[in-house]
Amino acid sequence: MTKSIFLFDNIKKYNIIAIRNYCYKQISGRYAGMKEIYTTILKLKYFCTCNENKISSSWNISLAELKGVNAMESHESLTCSELAEKMNLSPSRGSRIIDNLVRKGYLFREIQDQDRRTTFLYLTKRGEKLKYNITREQKAFEDILTSKLNSQEIESVRKGLAILEKVLNQSKKEIKNS
């Protein structure tokens, strides 16, 4: 599964095809009926990743930094480990991304007086502005995706995605161990 996760984060078309072929082997048997759904999810992932690449390039940040800014909320504090967890990264990888965001002026670190090992992170004014711009561009992309759908279809998509997310969350251990 590590192989597919590594490839899945890359945007090149041949990697998407490699993932599809690798994962089809993983979903044979009782999950074979999911092939069409899985293919659609991969297409959506590809388009979303292309959009994220475009956004990150336009703001001169990496995809991981984009995820870090997106994981923060205005006037919210998170510890380094909480932010790394929200980004689905290991603490060491999260720490490197956080260092980059601090160096670029998007995050501010505050060390606790009581326990100097605890550091809280906040978006700076510059970070809040970046988050606003990223959110605006992501909303524009979402509007493009939903512009051809009526409100009933949009609600159906939301419900379907909520069901899929629920199943994925319930199946995390099984998926990681397969």
N, C-alpha and C. Protein backbone atom coordinates (compact mmCIF):
# COMPACT_ATOMS: atom_id res chain seq x y z
N MET A 1 0.82 -1.19 0.00
CA MET A 1 0.00 0.00 0.00
C MET A 1 0.87 1.26 0.00
N THR A 2 2.05 1.21 0.61
CA THR A 2 2.93 2.38 0.62
C THR A 2 3.23 2.83 -0.80
N LYS A 3 3.44 1.85 -1.69
CA LYS A 3 3.73 2.18 -3.08
C LYS A 3 2.60 3.01 -3.68
N SER A 4 1.36 2.60 -3.46
CA SER A 4 0.25 3.33 -4.07
C SER A 4 0.09 4.72 -3.47
N ILE A 5 0.34 4.87 -2.18
CA ILE A 5 0.22 6.19 -1.56
C ILE A 5 1.28 7.11 -2.14
N PHE A 6 2.51 6.61 -2.31
CA PHE A 6 3.58 7.43 -2.87
C PHE A 6 3.21 7.87 -4.28
N LEU A 7 2.75 6.93 -5.11
CA LEU A 7 2.40 7.26 -6.48
C LEU A 7 1.17 8.16 -6.55
N PHE A 8 0.23 7.94 -5.64
CA PHE A 8 -1.03 8.68 -5.66
C PHE A 8 -0.80 10.16 -5.47
N ASP A 9 0.22 10.55 -4.73
CA ASP A 9 0.48 11.95 -4.49
C ASP A 9 1.16 12.63 -5.67
N ASN A 10 1.63 11.86 -6.63
CA ASN A 10 2.21 12.44 -7.83
C ASN A 10 1.12 12.67 -8.85
N ILE A 11 1.30 13.66 -9.68
CA ILE A 11 0.22 14.05 -10.58
C ILE A 11 0.39 13.52 -12.00
N LYS A 12 1.54 12.99 -12.33
CA LYS A 12 1.80 12.55 -13.70
C LYS A 12 0.82 11.45 -14.10
N LYS A 13 0.37 11.52 -15.33
CA LYS A 13 -0.66 10.60 -15.81
C LYS A 13 -0.23 9.15 -15.69
N TYR A 14 1.04 8.84 -16.00
CA TYR A 14 1.46 7.46 -15.95
C TYR A 14 1.42 6.93 -14.52
N ASN A 15 1.60 7.79 -13.54
CA ASN A 15 1.50 7.35 -12.15
C ASN A 15 0.06 7.03 -11.79
N ILE A 16 -0.88 7.84 -12.28
CA ILE A 16 -2.29 7.57 -12.04
C ILE A 16 -2.66 6.22 -12.64
N ILE A 17 -2.17 5.92 -13.83
CA ILE A 17 -2.45 4.64 -14.47
C ILE A 17 -1.82 3.51 -13.66
N ALA A 18 -0.60 3.72 -13.18
CA ALA A 18 0.07 2.70 -12.38
C ALA A 18 -0.71 2.43 -11.10
N ILE A 19 -1.22 3.46 -10.48
CA ILE A 19 -2.00 3.29 -9.26
C ILE A 19 -3.26 2.50 -9.58
N ARG A 20 -3.93 2.90 -10.66
CA ARG A 20 -5.17 2.24 -11.03
C ARG A 20 -4.92 0.75 -11.21
N ASN A 21 -3.88 0.38 -11.95
CA ASN A 21 -3.59 -1.04 -12.18
C ASN A 21 -3.22 -1.74 -10.88
N TYR A 22 -2.44 -1.09 -10.04
CA TYR A 22 -2.03 -1.69 -8.76
C TYR A 22 -3.24 -1.89 -7.87
N CYS A 23 -4.09 -0.87 -7.79
CA CYS A 23 -5.23 -0.95 -6.90
C CYS A 23 -6.31 -1.87 -7.42
N TYR A 24 -6.43 -2.03 -8.73
CA TYR A 24 -7.41 -2.98 -9.25
C TYR A 24 -7.08 -4.38 -8.75
N LYS A 25 -5.80 -4.69 -8.66
CA LYS A 25 -5.41 -5.99 -8.12
C LYS A 25 -5.85 -6.08 -6.67
N GLN A 26 -5.77 -4.97 -5.94
CA GLN A 26 -6.14 -4.94 -4.54
C GLN A 26 -7.65 -5.07 -4.33
N ILE A 27 -8.46 -4.63 -5.31
CA ILE A 27 -9.90 -4.62 -5.12
C ILE A 27 -10.60 -5.73 -5.90
N SER A 28 -9.86 -6.75 -6.30
CA SER A 28 -10.50 -7.85 -7.00
C SER A 28 -11.42 -8.59 -6.05
N GLY A 29 -12.20 -9.50 -6.58
CA GLY A 29 -13.14 -10.25 -5.74
C GLY A 29 -14.38 -9.44 -5.43
N ARG A 30 -14.77 -9.38 -4.17
CA ARG A 30 -16.04 -8.75 -3.80
C ARG A 30 -16.06 -7.25 -4.07
N TYR A 31 -14.90 -6.62 -4.25
CA TYR A 31 -14.85 -5.19 -4.50
C TYR A 31 -14.76 -4.84 -5.99
N ALA A 32 -14.80 -5.84 -6.85
CA ALA A 32 -14.62 -5.58 -8.28
C ALA A 32 -15.69 -4.65 -8.84
N GLY A 33 -16.87 -4.63 -8.26
CA GLY A 33 -17.93 -3.73 -8.70
C GLY A 33 -17.62 -2.27 -8.43
N MET A 34 -16.61 -2.02 -7.62
CA MET A 34 -16.22 -0.65 -7.28
C MET A 34 -15.32 -0.04 -8.35
N LYS A 35 -14.95 -0.80 -9.37
CA LYS A 35 -14.00 -0.33 -10.37
C LYS A 35 -14.43 1.00 -10.99
N GLU A 36 -15.70 1.13 -11.36
CA GLU A 36 -16.19 2.36 -11.98
C GLU A 36 -16.14 3.52 -10.98
N ILE A 37 -16.54 3.27 -9.76
CA ILE A 37 -16.49 4.32 -8.72
C ILE A 37 -15.05 4.72 -8.46
N TYR A 38 -14.19 3.74 -8.36
CA TYR A 38 -12.78 4.00 -8.08
C TYR A 38 -12.15 4.84 -9.20
N THR A 39 -12.47 4.49 -10.45
CA THR A 39 -11.95 5.24 -11.60
C THR A 39 -12.41 6.69 -11.55
N THR A 40 -13.68 6.90 -11.20
CA THR A 40 -14.21 8.26 -11.09
C THR A 40 -13.51 9.03 -9.98
N ILE A 41 -13.25 8.36 -8.87
CA ILE A 41 -12.53 9.01 -7.76
C ILE A 41 -11.14 9.41 -8.21
N LEU A 42 -10.46 8.54 -8.95
CA LEU A 42 -9.12 8.87 -9.45
C LEU A 42 -9.16 10.07 -10.39
N LYS A 43 -10.17 10.14 -11.24
CA LYS A 43 -10.30 11.29 -12.14
C LYS A 43 -10.50 12.57 -11.34
N LEU A 44 -11.37 12.52 -10.35
CA LEU A 44 -11.61 13.69 -9.51
C LEU A 44 -10.34 14.07 -8.76
N LYS A 45 -9.63 13.09 -8.24
CA LYS A 45 -8.37 13.35 -7.54
C LYS A 45 -7.37 14.02 -8.49
N TYR A 46 -7.32 13.55 -9.72
CA TYR A 46 -6.40 14.12 -10.70
C TYR A 46 -6.73 15.59 -10.96
N PHE A 47 -8.01 15.90 -11.20
CA PHE A 47 -8.40 17.27 -11.46
C PHE A 47 -8.16 18.17 -10.25
N CYS A 48 -8.45 17.65 -9.06
CA CYS A 48 -8.21 18.44 -7.84
C CYS A 48 -6.72 18.68 -7.62
N THR A 49 -5.91 17.66 -7.89
CA THR A 49 -4.46 17.80 -7.74
C THR A 49 -3.91 18.79 -8.76
N CYS A 50 -4.42 18.75 -9.98
CA CYS A 50 -4.00 19.73 -10.99
C CYS A 50 -4.33 21.14 -10.50
N ASN A 51 -5.51 21.32 -9.94
CA ASN A 51 -5.90 22.64 -9.44
C ASN A 51 -5.02 23.05 -8.26
N GLU A 52 -4.74 22.12 -7.34
CA GLU A 52 -3.86 22.44 -6.22
C GLU A 52 -2.47 22.81 -6.70
N ASN A 53 -1.97 22.11 -7.71
CA ASN A 53 -0.66 22.45 -8.28
C ASN A 53 -0.66 23.86 -8.85
N LYS A 54 -1.74 24.19 -9.57
CA LYS A 54 -1.86 25.53 -10.15
C LYS A 54 -1.87 26.59 -9.04
N ILE A 55 -2.65 26.35 -7.99
CA ILE A 55 -2.74 27.30 -6.87
C ILE A 55 -1.39 27.43 -6.17
N SER A 56 -0.77 26.30 -5.85
CA SER A 56 0.51 26.36 -5.12
C SER A 56 1.58 27.05 -5.96
N SER A 57 1.58 26.80 -7.26
CA SER A 57 2.55 27.48 -8.13
C SER A 57 2.31 28.98 -8.17
N SER A 58 1.04 29.38 -8.23
CA SER A 58 0.75 30.81 -8.32
C SER A 58 1.13 31.55 -7.04
N TRP A 59 1.18 30.86 -5.91
CA TRP A 59 1.55 31.51 -4.64
C TRP A 59 2.96 31.13 -4.19
N ASN A 60 3.69 30.39 -5.04
CA ASN A 60 5.08 30.01 -4.77
C ASN A 60 5.22 29.23 -3.45
N ILE A 61 4.31 28.27 -3.27
CA ILE A 61 4.40 27.37 -2.12
C ILE A 61 4.28 25.94 -2.63
N SER A 62 4.75 24.99 -1.82
CA SER A 62 4.64 23.58 -2.21
C SER A 62 3.23 23.08 -1.89
N LEU A 63 2.90 21.92 -2.44
CA LEU A 63 1.60 21.31 -2.13
C LEU A 63 1.47 21.03 -0.64
N ALA A 64 2.55 20.58 -0.02
CA ALA A 64 2.51 20.31 1.42
C ALA A 64 2.27 21.60 2.21
N GLU A 65 2.89 22.69 1.77
CA GLU A 65 2.67 23.98 2.44
C GLU A 65 1.24 24.45 2.25
N LEU A 66 0.68 24.21 1.07
CA LEU A 66 -0.72 24.54 0.81
C LEU A 66 -1.62 23.78 1.78
N LYS A 67 -1.34 22.49 1.96
CA LYS A 67 -2.12 21.68 2.91
C LYS A 67 -1.98 22.21 4.33
N GLY A 68 -0.78 22.66 4.67
CA GLY A 68 -0.55 23.21 6.01
C GLY A 68 -1.35 24.47 6.26
N VAL A 69 -1.36 25.36 5.29
CA VAL A 69 -2.13 26.60 5.42
C VAL A 69 -3.62 26.27 5.47
N ASN A 70 -4.06 25.35 4.62
CA ASN A 70 -5.47 24.95 4.63
C ASN A 70 -5.90 24.31 5.94
N ALA A 71 -4.98 23.63 6.60
CA ALA A 71 -5.32 22.95 7.86
C ALA A 71 -5.48 23.92 9.02
N MET A 72 -4.97 25.12 8.88
CA MET A 72 -5.07 26.12 9.94
C MET A 72 -6.34 26.94 9.77
N GLU A 73 -6.85 27.45 10.87
CA GLU A 73 -7.99 28.37 10.84
C GLU A 73 -7.54 29.69 11.45
N SER A 74 -8.16 30.77 11.01
CA SER A 74 -7.85 32.09 11.58
C SER A 74 -8.10 32.07 13.08
N HIS A 75 -7.21 32.66 13.82
CA HIS A 75 -7.32 32.80 15.28
C HIS A 75 -7.38 31.46 16.00
N GLU A 76 -6.89 30.40 15.35
CA GLU A 76 -6.83 29.08 15.95
C GLU A 76 -5.36 28.77 16.23
N SER A 77 -5.13 28.10 17.33
CA SER A 77 -3.77 27.64 17.60
C SER A 77 -3.75 26.13 17.54
N LEU A 78 -2.68 25.61 16.97
CA LEU A 78 -2.46 24.17 16.92
C LEU A 78 -1.03 23.90 17.36
N THR A 79 -0.81 22.75 17.96
CA THR A 79 0.56 22.34 18.24
C THR A 79 1.14 21.80 16.93
N CYS A 80 2.44 21.66 16.90
CA CYS A 80 3.10 21.12 15.70
C CYS A 80 2.58 19.73 15.37
N SER A 81 2.42 18.89 16.39
CA SER A 81 1.95 17.53 16.14
C SER A 81 0.50 17.52 15.67
N GLU A 82 -0.34 18.43 16.17
CA GLU A 82 -1.73 18.51 15.71
C GLU A 82 -1.79 18.93 14.25
N LEU A 83 -0.98 19.90 13.87
CA LEU A 83 -0.97 20.34 12.47
C LEU A 83 -0.46 19.22 11.57
N ALA A 84 0.60 18.53 11.98
CA ALA A 84 1.12 17.41 11.19
C ALA A 84 0.04 16.34 11.01
N GLU A 85 -0.71 16.07 12.07
CA GLU A 85 -1.78 15.07 12.00
C GLU A 85 -2.89 15.53 11.05
N LYS A 86 -3.26 16.80 11.11
CA LYS A 86 -4.29 17.32 10.21
C LYS A 86 -3.85 17.26 8.75
N MET A 87 -2.54 17.31 8.52
CA MET A 87 -2.00 17.23 7.16
C MET A 87 -1.72 15.78 6.75
N ASN A 88 -1.98 14.83 7.66
CA ASN A 88 -1.70 13.41 7.42
C ASN A 88 -0.23 13.17 7.14
N LEU A 89 0.63 13.83 7.93
CA LEU A 89 2.08 13.68 7.79
C LEU A 89 2.69 13.17 9.09
N SER A 90 3.85 12.57 8.98
CA SER A 90 4.58 12.19 10.18
C SER A 90 5.02 13.46 10.90
N PRO A 91 5.27 13.38 12.21
CA PRO A 91 5.73 14.58 12.93
C PRO A 91 7.00 15.19 12.34
N SER A 92 7.94 14.36 11.88
CA SER A 92 9.19 14.92 11.34
C SER A 92 8.95 15.63 10.00
N ARG A 93 8.14 15.04 9.14
CA ARG A 93 7.81 15.69 7.86
C ARG A 93 7.00 16.95 8.12
N GLY A 94 6.03 16.86 9.04
CA GLY A 94 5.23 18.03 9.40
C GLY A 94 6.10 19.16 9.92
N SER A 95 7.11 18.81 10.70
CA SER A 95 8.02 19.81 11.26
C SER A 95 8.76 20.56 10.17
N ARG A 96 9.18 19.85 9.13
CA ARG A 96 9.89 20.51 8.02
C ARG A 96 8.96 21.48 7.28
N ILE A 97 7.72 21.06 7.08
CA ILE A 97 6.74 21.93 6.40
C ILE A 97 6.46 23.16 7.27
N ILE A 98 6.29 22.94 8.55
CA ILE A 98 6.04 24.04 9.49
C ILE A 98 7.21 25.01 9.47
N ASP A 99 8.43 24.49 9.50
CA ASP A 99 9.62 25.37 9.43
C ASP A 99 9.58 26.25 8.18
N ASN A 100 9.22 25.65 7.04
CA ASN A 100 9.13 26.43 5.80
C ASN A 100 8.06 27.51 5.89
N LEU A 101 6.90 27.17 6.46
CA LEU A 101 5.81 28.14 6.57
C LEU A 101 6.17 29.27 7.54
N VAL A 102 6.90 28.95 8.59
CA VAL A 102 7.36 29.98 9.53
C VAL A 102 8.39 30.87 8.83
N ARG A 103 9.34 30.25 8.13
CA ARG A 103 10.38 31.00 7.43
C ARG A 103 9.78 31.95 6.37
N LYS A 104 8.70 31.50 5.72
CA LYS A 104 8.06 32.32 4.69
C LYS A 104 7.11 33.36 5.28
N GLY A 105 6.92 33.31 6.59
CA GLY A 105 6.09 34.31 7.25
C GLY A 105 4.60 34.01 7.26
N TYR A 106 4.21 32.76 7.02
CA TYR A 106 2.79 32.41 7.02
C TYR A 106 2.31 31.89 8.37
N LEU A 107 3.23 31.33 9.16
CA LEU A 107 2.90 30.84 10.50
C LEU A 107 3.79 31.53 11.53
N PHE A 108 3.27 31.61 12.74
CA PHE A 108 3.99 32.17 13.87
C PHE A 108 4.03 31.11 14.95
N ARG A 109 5.21 30.90 15.56
CA ARG A 109 5.36 29.94 16.66
C ARG A 109 5.31 30.68 17.99
N GLU A 110 4.58 30.13 18.94
CA GLU A 110 4.55 30.68 20.30
C GLU A 110 4.90 29.56 21.26
N ILE A 111 5.98 29.73 21.99
CA ILE A 111 6.42 28.72 22.94
C ILE A 111 5.75 28.98 24.28
N GLN A 112 5.17 27.93 24.86
CA GLN A 112 4.50 28.05 26.16
C GLN A 112 5.51 28.29 27.28
N ASP A 113 5.18 29.21 28.17
CA ASP A 113 6.06 29.49 29.30
C ASP A 113 6.10 28.32 30.30
N GLN A 114 4.94 27.69 30.53
CA GLN A 114 4.87 26.60 31.51
C GLN A 114 5.63 25.36 31.06
N ASP A 115 5.53 25.05 29.79
CA ASP A 115 6.17 23.85 29.25
C ASP A 115 6.82 24.22 27.92
N ARG A 116 8.11 24.49 27.95
CA ARG A 116 8.81 25.00 26.77
C ARG A 116 8.83 23.99 25.61
N ARG A 117 8.42 22.74 25.91
CA ARG A 117 8.37 21.75 24.83
C ARG A 117 7.13 21.94 23.97
N THR A 118 6.12 22.63 24.49
CA THR A 118 4.88 22.83 23.76
C THR A 118 4.95 24.14 22.98
N THR A 119 4.75 24.03 21.69
CA THR A 119 4.77 25.18 20.80
C THR A 119 3.43 25.26 20.08
N PHE A 120 2.83 26.44 20.12
CA PHE A 120 1.58 26.66 19.41
C PHE A 120 1.85 27.42 18.12
N LEU A 121 1.09 27.09 17.10
CA LEU A 121 1.22 27.73 15.79
C LEU A 121 -0.03 28.54 15.49
N TYR A 122 0.17 29.70 14.89
CA TYR A 122 -0.91 30.58 14.48
C TYR A 122 -0.63 31.06 13.06
N LEU A 123 -1.69 31.34 12.31
CA LEU A 123 -1.51 32.01 11.03
C LEU A 123 -1.14 33.47 11.29
N THR A 124 -0.17 33.96 10.57
CA THR A 124 0.16 35.39 10.63
C THR A 124 -0.84 36.13 9.74
N LYS A 125 -0.78 37.45 9.73
CA LYS A 125 -1.63 38.23 8.82
C LYS A 125 -1.37 37.81 7.37
N ARG A 126 -0.09 37.62 7.07
CA ARG A 126 0.28 37.16 5.73
C ARG A 126 -0.30 35.77 5.45
N GLY A 127 -0.25 34.90 6.46
CA GLY A 127 -0.81 33.55 6.33
C GLY A 127 -2.32 33.58 6.15
N GLU A 128 -3.00 34.48 6.88
CA GLU A 128 -4.45 34.61 6.73
C GLU A 128 -4.81 35.10 5.33
N LYS A 129 -4.03 36.03 4.82
CA LYS A 129 -4.27 36.53 3.46
C LYS A 129 -4.08 35.41 2.44
N LEU A 130 -3.01 34.62 2.62
CA LEU A 130 -2.76 33.49 1.73
C LEU A 130 -3.90 32.49 1.80
N LYS A 131 -4.34 32.16 3.01
CA LYS A 131 -5.44 31.21 3.17
C LYS A 131 -6.71 31.74 2.49
N TYR A 132 -6.98 33.01 2.63
CA TYR A 132 -8.15 33.62 1.98
C TYR A 132 -8.05 33.45 0.46
N ASN A 133 -6.88 33.74 -0.11
CA ASN A 133 -6.69 33.63 -1.56
C ASN A 133 -6.78 32.18 -2.04
N ILE A 134 -6.21 31.27 -1.28
CA ILE A 134 -6.29 29.85 -1.63
C ILE A 134 -7.75 29.39 -1.60
N THR A 135 -8.46 29.76 -0.54
CA THR A 135 -9.87 29.38 -0.40
C THR A 135 -10.70 29.94 -1.55
N ARG A 136 -10.41 31.17 -1.93
CA ARG A 136 -11.13 31.80 -3.04
C ARG A 136 -10.90 31.02 -4.34
N GLU A 137 -9.66 30.64 -4.60
CA GLU A 137 -9.35 29.88 -5.82
C GLU A 137 -9.96 28.48 -5.78
N GLN A 138 -9.95 27.85 -4.60
CA GLN A 138 -10.55 26.53 -4.48
C GLN A 138 -12.07 26.60 -4.67
N LYS A 139 -12.68 27.66 -4.17
CA LYS A 139 -14.12 27.86 -4.34
C LYS A 139 -14.45 28.07 -5.82
N ALA A 140 -13.62 28.82 -6.53
CA ALA A 140 -13.83 29.02 -7.97
C ALA A 140 -13.77 27.68 -8.71
N PHE A 141 -12.84 26.83 -8.32
CA PHE A 141 -12.72 25.50 -8.93
C PHE A 141 -13.97 24.67 -8.62
N GLU A 142 -14.42 24.72 -7.38
CA GLU A 142 -15.64 24.00 -6.99
C GLU A 142 -16.84 24.50 -7.79
N ASP A 143 -16.90 25.80 -7.99
CA ASP A 143 -18.00 26.38 -8.78
C ASP A 143 -17.99 25.86 -10.21
N ILE A 144 -16.79 25.70 -10.77
CA ILE A 144 -16.69 25.13 -12.13
C ILE A 144 -17.23 23.71 -12.13
N LEU A 145 -16.86 22.92 -11.11
CA LEU A 145 -17.30 21.52 -11.05
C LEU A 145 -18.81 21.42 -10.86
N THR A 146 -19.39 22.33 -10.11
CA THR A 146 -20.82 22.22 -9.79
C THR A 146 -21.72 23.04 -10.72
N SER A 147 -21.13 23.83 -11.60
CA SER A 147 -21.94 24.73 -12.44
C SER A 147 -22.90 24.00 -13.37
N LYS A 148 -22.60 22.78 -13.71
CA LYS A 148 -23.45 22.02 -14.63
C LYS A 148 -24.47 21.15 -13.89
N LEU A 149 -24.51 21.27 -12.56
CA LEU A 149 -25.41 20.46 -11.75
C LEU A 149 -26.51 21.32 -11.15
N ASN A 150 -27.70 20.75 -11.00
CA ASN A 150 -28.74 21.48 -10.29
C ASN A 150 -28.58 21.20 -8.79
N SER A 151 -29.34 21.88 -7.97
CA SER A 151 -29.18 21.76 -6.52
C SER A 151 -29.45 20.35 -6.02
N GLN A 152 -30.38 19.65 -6.65
CA GLN A 152 -30.69 18.27 -6.25
C GLN A 152 -29.50 17.35 -6.55
N GLU A 153 -28.88 17.53 -7.70
CA GLU A 153 -27.71 16.72 -8.06
C GLU A 153 -26.53 17.02 -7.13
N ILE A 154 -26.34 18.29 -6.81
CA ILE A 154 -25.27 18.66 -5.88
C ILE A 154 -25.49 17.99 -4.52
N GLU A 155 -26.72 18.00 -4.06
CA GLU A 155 -27.04 17.36 -2.77
C GLU A 155 -26.80 15.85 -2.84
N SER A 156 -27.13 15.23 -3.97
CA SER A 156 -26.88 13.80 -4.15
C SER A 156 -25.38 13.49 -4.10
N VAL A 157 -24.59 14.34 -4.75
CA VAL A 157 -23.13 14.16 -4.73
C VAL A 157 -22.62 14.29 -3.30
N ARG A 158 -23.08 15.32 -2.58
CA ARG A 158 -22.65 15.51 -1.18
C ARG A 158 -22.99 14.29 -0.33
N LYS A 159 -24.21 13.79 -0.47
CA LYS A 159 -24.62 12.62 0.31
C LYS A 159 -23.77 11.41 -0.03
N GLY A 160 -23.53 11.19 -1.33
CA GLY A 160 -22.70 10.07 -1.75
C GLY A 160 -21.28 10.17 -1.22
N LEU A 161 -20.71 11.37 -1.27
CA LEU A 161 -19.36 11.57 -0.75
C LEU A 161 -19.31 11.37 0.76
N ALA A 162 -20.36 11.80 1.47
CA ALA A 162 -20.42 11.62 2.93
C ALA A 162 -20.46 10.13 3.26
N ILE A 163 -21.22 9.36 2.50
CA ILE A 163 -21.28 7.91 2.72
C ILE A 163 -19.92 7.29 2.44
N LEU A 164 -19.29 7.67 1.33
CA LEU A 164 -17.98 7.14 0.98
C LEU A 164 -16.94 7.48 2.05
N GLU A 165 -16.97 8.72 2.53
CA GLU A 165 -16.03 9.13 3.58
C GLU A 165 -16.25 8.32 4.86
N LYS A 166 -17.49 8.08 5.21
CA LYS A 166 -17.81 7.28 6.40
C LYS A 166 -17.24 5.87 6.27
N VAL A 167 -17.45 5.26 5.10
CA VAL A 167 -16.94 3.91 4.85
C VAL A 167 -15.41 3.90 4.91
N LEU A 168 -14.78 4.89 4.30
CA LEU A 168 -13.31 4.96 4.32
C LEU A 168 -12.79 5.12 5.74
N ASN A 169 -13.42 5.99 6.52
CA ASN A 169 -12.99 6.18 7.91
C ASN A 169 -13.16 4.92 8.73
N GLN A 170 -14.23 4.18 8.48
CA GLN A 170 -14.45 2.93 9.20
C GLN A 170 -13.49 1.84 8.75
N SER A 171 -12.94 1.96 7.56
CA SER A 171 -12.10 0.91 6.97
C SER A 171 -10.61 1.24 6.97
N LYS A 172 -10.19 2.31 7.65
CA LYS A 172 -8.80 2.74 7.60
C LYS A 172 -7.82 1.62 7.93
N LYS A 173 -8.04 0.91 9.03
CA LYS A 173 -7.12 -0.16 9.42
C LYS A 173 -7.07 -1.26 8.37
N GLU A 174 -8.23 -1.65 7.90
CA GLU A 174 -8.29 -2.72 6.89
C GLU A 174 -7.56 -2.31 5.60
N ILE A 175 -7.73 -1.07 5.19
CA ILE A 175 -7.07 -0.58 3.98
C ILE A 175 -5.56 -0.52 4.16
N LYS A 176 -5.10 -0.04 5.33
CA LYS A 176 -3.65 0.06 5.58
C LYS A 176 -3.00 -1.31 5.63
N ASN A 177 -3.72 -2.30 6.13
CA ASN A 177 -3.14 -3.64 6.29
C ASN A 177 -3.27 -4.51 5.05
N SER A 178 -3.96 -4.03 4.00
CA SER A 178 -4.15 -4.88 2.82
C SER A 178 -2.95 -4.86 1.92
